[in-house]
Amino acid sequence: QVQLVESGGGLVQPGASLRLSCAASGSIFSSRAMGWYRQAPGKSREWVAHITTGEITNYVDSVKGRFTISRDVAKNTVYLQMNSLKPEDTAVYYCNTFPVPYGAWGQGTQVTVSS
């Protein structure tokens, strides 16, 4: 059974930084691309970034230059470094495999950007 546990969210002011972590159990982490997704209030969940097993990364245009995705294979963990946060980044952030999410979603971690 695969488990995904996200952490690191919080309430921050515009311009601040946060680092999200996602610990993945099971064998999926080392063999699949991993992605970060987010769901803002009243909106559908959207893809934010992903990283392949070969460390190739890609981002949605709205976060390019501000967010950085990385992975630590030894720790089965994927990270999302978020800099220069904006109010429109407010959402619940989730991780999962990319491009096809695997199994159940984790509980997510809330990121709120507000002055």
Protein backbone atom coordinates (compact mmCIF):
# COMPACT_ATOMS: atom_id res chain seq x y z
CA GLN A 1 0.00 0.00 0.00
CA VAL A 2 1.33 3.41 -0.98
CA GLN A 3 1.18 6.29 1.44
CA LEU A 4 1.92 9.92 0.68
CA VAL A 5 2.39 12.32 3.59
CA GLU A 6 2.76 16.00 2.85
CA SER A 7 4.05 18.57 5.34
CA GLY A 8 5.58 22.01 5.62
CA GLY A 9 2.65 24.28 4.85
CA GLY A 10 1.65 27.30 6.87
CA LEU A 11 0.45 30.88 6.94
CA VAL A 12 2.94 33.34 5.50
CA GLN A 13 3.03 36.87 4.16
CA PRO A 14 3.46 37.67 0.47
CA GLY A 15 7.09 37.39 -0.56
CA ALA A 16 7.91 34.73 2.02
CA SER A 17 9.23 31.22 1.42
CA LEU A 18 8.14 27.74 2.41
CA ARG A 19 9.54 24.29 1.81
CA LEU A 20 7.07 21.48 1.41
CA SER A 21 8.00 17.83 1.90
CA CYS A 22 6.30 14.66 0.75
CA ALA A 23 7.31 11.33 2.20
CA ALA A 24 6.32 8.40 0.02
CA SER A 25 6.19 4.81 1.16
CA GLY A 26 6.22 1.82 -1.10
CA SER A 27 8.10 1.24 -4.31
CA ILE A 28 6.58 3.96 -6.47
CA PHE A 29 8.97 6.70 -5.51
CA SER A 30 12.10 5.31 -7.10
CA SER A 31 10.44 4.17 -10.32
CA ARG A 32 8.09 7.03 -11.24
CA ALA A 33 8.07 10.74 -11.83
CA MET A 34 6.68 12.61 -8.86
CA GLY A 35 4.58 15.74 -8.96
CA TRP A 36 3.20 18.45 -6.77
CA TYR A 37 -0.40 19.50 -7.26
CA ARG A 38 -2.57 22.09 -5.56
CA GLN A 39 -6.22 22.85 -5.05
CA ALA A 40 -7.37 26.36 -4.28
CA PRO A 41 -10.76 27.05 -2.68
CA GLY A 42 -13.53 26.59 -5.22
CA LYS A 43 -11.16 25.36 -7.92
CA SER A 44 -10.12 22.03 -9.36
CA ARG A 45 -6.83 20.42 -8.41
CA GLU A 46 -4.03 21.50 -10.75
CA TRP A 47 -0.56 20.26 -11.51
CA VAL A 48 2.20 22.55 -10.22
CA ALA A 49 5.50 20.80 -10.92
CA HIS A 50 7.03 17.42 -11.53
CA ILE A 51 10.41 15.73 -11.47
CA THR A 52 11.33 12.61 -13.39
CA THR A 53 13.55 9.76 -12.23
CA GLY A 54 16.23 11.40 -14.37
CA GLU A 55 15.84 14.69 -12.45
CA ILE A 56 14.17 16.53 -15.31
CA THR A 57 11.78 19.13 -13.94
CA ASN A 58 8.90 21.13 -15.30
CA TYR A 59 6.59 23.76 -13.82
CA VAL A 60 3.29 25.44 -14.48
CA ASP A 61 3.96 28.90 -15.89
CA SER A 62 2.60 30.70 -12.83
CA VAL A 63 5.35 29.32 -10.56
CA LYS A 64 8.33 29.23 -12.92
CA GLY A 65 11.30 31.01 -11.41
CA ARG A 66 9.79 30.91 -7.93
CA PHE A 67 9.31 27.21 -7.12
CA THR A 68 11.86 24.41 -7.24
CA ILE A 69 11.04 20.71 -7.06
CA SER A 70 13.63 18.19 -5.94
CA ARG A 71 13.79 14.62 -4.70
CA ASP A 72 15.88 12.62 -2.26
CA VAL A 73 15.79 9.00 -3.35
CA ALA A 74 17.47 7.75 -0.18
CA LYS A 75 14.72 9.34 1.91
CA ASN A 76 11.85 8.59 -0.49
CA THR A 77 10.99 12.26 -0.24
CA VAL A 78 10.12 14.95 -2.75
CA TYR A 79 10.37 18.64 -1.90
CA LEU A 80 8.89 21.85 -3.20
CA GLN A 81 10.83 24.99 -2.37
CA MET A 82 8.49 27.94 -2.78
CA ASN A 83 9.93 31.45 -2.86
CA SER A 84 8.34 34.85 -3.45
CA LEU A 85 4.96 33.47 -2.49
CA LYS A 86 1.86 35.29 -3.71
CA PRO A 87 -1.72 35.27 -2.41
CA GLU A 88 -2.74 33.30 -5.50
CA ASP A 89 -0.49 30.46 -4.33
CA THR A 90 -2.92 29.84 -1.48
CA ALA A 91 -4.13 26.24 -1.75
CA VAL A 92 -3.85 22.77 -0.33
CA TYR A 93 -0.74 21.18 -1.81
CA TYR A 94 -0.51 17.48 -2.59
CA CYS A 95 2.11 15.19 -4.02
CA ASN A 96 1.56 12.13 -6.16
CA THR A 97 3.02 10.34 -9.13
CA PHE A 98 3.08 12.11 -12.49
CA PRO A 99 1.41 12.20 -14.96
CA VAL A 100 -1.10 9.71 -13.58
CA PRO A 101 -1.79 10.00 -9.86
CA TYR A 102 -1.42 6.68 -8.08
CA GLY A 103 -3.98 5.43 -5.62
CA ALA A 104 -5.42 7.62 -2.92
CA TRP A 105 -4.29 11.18 -2.37
CA GLY A 106 -2.67 12.16 0.92
CA GLN A 107 -4.16 14.71 3.27
CA GLY A 108 -2.25 17.56 1.69
CA THR A 109 -0.67 20.54 3.42
CA GLN A 110 -2.32 23.94 3.57
CA VAL A 111 -0.42 26.96 2.27
CA THR A 112 -1.98 30.34 2.97
CA VAL A 113 -0.35 33.52 1.70
CA SER A 114 -1.90 36.61 3.21
CA SER A 115 -0.90 39.94 4.66
